[in-house]
Protein backbone atom coordinates (compact mmCIF):
# COMPACT_ATOMS: atom_id res chain seq x y z
CA MET A 1 74.66 207.30 62.80
CA THR A 2 77.57 209.57 61.24
CA VAL A 3 77.12 212.23 58.36
CA THR A 4 78.88 209.72 55.83
CA GLN A 5 76.52 206.56 56.53
CA SER A 6 73.36 209.17 56.88
CA GLY A 7 74.90 210.21 52.78
CA ILE A 8 75.17 206.22 52.07
CA ARG A 9 71.87 205.69 53.29
CA THR A 10 70.39 208.63 51.01
CA ARG A 11 71.33 207.28 48.01
CA SER A 12 71.19 203.76 48.19
CA MET A 13 67.53 204.92 49.19
CA ARG A 14 67.61 206.40 45.62
CA ALA A 15 67.09 203.50 43.36
CA PRO A 16 63.87 202.14 45.10
CA LEU A 17 62.42 205.93 45.36
CA ALA A 18 62.40 206.02 41.85
CA VAL A 19 61.16 202.52 41.14
CA ALA A 20 58.02 203.85 44.09
CA ALA A 21 57.51 206.98 41.70
CA ALA A 22 57.36 205.50 38.58
CA GLY A 23 54.82 202.94 40.22
CA ALA A 24 52.28 205.18 41.40
CA GLY A 25 53.08 207.41 37.93
CA ALA A 26 51.39 204.70 36.49
CA ALA A 27 48.58 203.52 38.89
CA ALA A 28 47.90 207.44 38.53
CA LEU A 29 47.97 207.00 35.00
CA LEU A 30 45.80 204.48 34.78
CA TYR A 31 43.32 205.88 37.60
CA LEU A 32 42.78 208.64 35.33
CA ARG A 33 42.84 207.54 32.07
CA ASP A 34 40.36 204.59 31.22
CA PRO A 35 42.03 201.92 29.17
CA HIS A 36 38.46 200.23 28.75
CA ARG A 37 37.45 202.40 25.87
CA ALA A 38 39.02 200.52 23.03
CA GLY A 39 42.65 202.20 21.68
CA ALA A 40 42.91 204.53 24.55
CA TYR A 41 46.19 203.34 24.87
CA GLY A 42 46.78 202.12 21.28
CA PHE A 43 46.38 197.98 20.89
CA CYS A 44 48.45 194.95 21.45
CA PRO A 45 50.56 194.61 18.65
CA PHE A 46 50.75 190.50 19.01
CA HIS A 47 46.93 190.69 19.00
CA VAL A 48 46.69 192.84 15.99
CA VAL A 49 49.05 189.93 14.18
CA THR A 50 47.82 186.92 15.34
CA GLY A 51 44.50 187.26 16.57
CA TRP A 52 45.37 186.04 19.96
CA TRP A 53 45.63 187.66 23.38
CA CYS A 54 49.50 187.75 25.14
CA PRO A 55 49.94 186.72 28.49
CA GLY A 56 49.65 190.79 28.94
CA CYS A 57 46.67 191.40 27.02
CA GLY A 58 44.01 193.05 29.56
CA GLY A 59 47.22 194.27 32.08
CA LEU A 60 46.33 197.77 31.55
CA ARG A 61 42.97 197.30 32.16
CA ALA A 62 43.68 195.26 35.21
CA VAL A 63 45.21 197.31 36.72
CA ASN A 64 42.96 200.68 36.17
CA ASP A 65 40.15 198.18 37.87
CA LEU A 66 42.87 197.69 40.63
CA VAL A 67 43.39 201.30 41.12
CA HIS A 68 39.45 201.81 41.23
CA GLY A 69 39.33 198.97 44.08
CA ASP A 70 37.77 196.62 41.95
CA LEU A 71 39.48 193.19 42.62
CA VAL A 72 36.61 190.79 40.70
CA ALA A 73 36.97 193.33 37.42
CA SER A 74 40.86 193.49 37.73
CA VAL A 75 40.57 189.30 37.93
CA SER A 76 38.50 189.04 34.86
CA SER A 77 40.81 191.32 32.83
CA ASN A 78 43.87 189.46 33.51
CA VAL A 79 43.99 187.14 36.23
CA LEU A 80 47.87 186.79 36.20
CA ILE A 81 47.83 190.80 37.48
CA LEU A 82 46.82 190.96 40.76
CA PRO A 83 49.33 188.23 42.05
CA LEU A 84 51.93 189.74 39.82
CA VAL A 85 51.37 193.09 41.56
CA VAL A 86 51.55 191.35 45.15
CA VAL A 87 55.02 190.40 44.20
CA LEU A 88 56.03 193.16 43.24
CA ALA A 89 54.99 194.84 46.10
CA VAL A 90 56.61 192.74 48.50
CA ALA A 91 59.72 192.54 46.56
CA TRP A 92 59.97 196.21 46.79
CA VAL A 93 59.12 196.18 50.90
CA ARG A 94 62.24 193.61 51.22
CA TRP A 95 64.11 195.42 48.82
CA VAL A 96 63.60 198.82 50.80
CA ARG A 97 64.73 196.85 53.94
CA ARG A 98 67.61 195.39 52.30
CA ARG A 99 68.45 198.71 50.90
CA TRP A 100 68.04 200.49 54.63
CA GLY A 101 69.88 197.73 56.01
CA GLY A 102 73.21 198.59 53.96
CA VAL A 103 72.94 195.71 51.33
CA GLU A 104 73.25 196.90 47.82
CA ASP A 105 71.29 194.55 45.36
CA ARG A 106 68.41 194.77 43.14
CA MET A 107 64.85 194.44 43.51
CA ILE A 108 64.23 191.06 42.16
CA VAL A 109 67.03 188.66 40.73
CA LEU A 110 66.12 185.51 39.23
CA GLY A 111 67.75 182.20 38.02
CA ARG A 112 67.79 180.40 35.49
CA PRO A 113 64.97 177.79 36.35
CA ALA A 114 62.78 180.50 38.09
CA THR A 115 62.86 182.25 34.63
CA ALA A 116 62.11 179.06 32.94
CA ALA A 117 59.19 178.63 35.04
CA ILE A 118 57.75 181.94 34.16
CA LEU A 119 58.04 181.90 30.83
CA VAL A 120 56.50 178.26 30.61
CA LEU A 121 53.46 179.86 32.28
CA LEU A 122 53.10 182.36 30.25
CA ALA A 123 53.71 180.15 27.45
CA VAL A 124 50.80 177.76 28.60
CA PHE A 125 48.54 180.77 29.89
CA THR A 126 48.53 182.48 26.40
CA VAL A 127 47.57 178.96 25.13
CA VAL A 128 45.21 178.14 27.27
CA ARG A 129 43.54 181.47 27.40
CA ASN A 130 42.92 181.32 23.40
CA THR A 131 41.05 178.45 23.27
CA PRO A 132 37.62 177.78 23.68
CA TRP A 133 36.99 176.08 26.71
CA ALA A 134 39.10 178.58 28.48
CA ALA A 135 37.41 181.90 27.08
CA VAL A 136 37.04 183.01 30.72
CA LEU A 137 40.83 184.03 30.59
CA ALA A 138 40.48 186.37 27.48
CA PRO A 139 40.17 189.39 28.46
CA THR A 140 37.10 191.46 28.76
């Protein structure tokens, strides 16, 4: 490998390393500061205004539980967080491999159908988790 190729590879890895550092920083913060205490990170504006749990409500508690190794508690806080973390981790690893191979691209690129499907999933999840018969999906 020439010096030029090495420099290009180093520059192409900056974004994935920055994303990893941000993720590790967020995980460390959530490990050290417990979001299970009311108001520890503020309040969800959607919940304050509507009284409904948004799709992200319980997400900080879920990540806190994940970094402490409690998968069951994580899923009970927000059932979407564990699959999201897994998808993001796999996407990041694939992104690093592509970047290392010289492909300059973004971590995740969603087309319109995937974006629409995710938005529908989030809308349905929001409605369902706020019904009495699906209270198990409300954050704990």
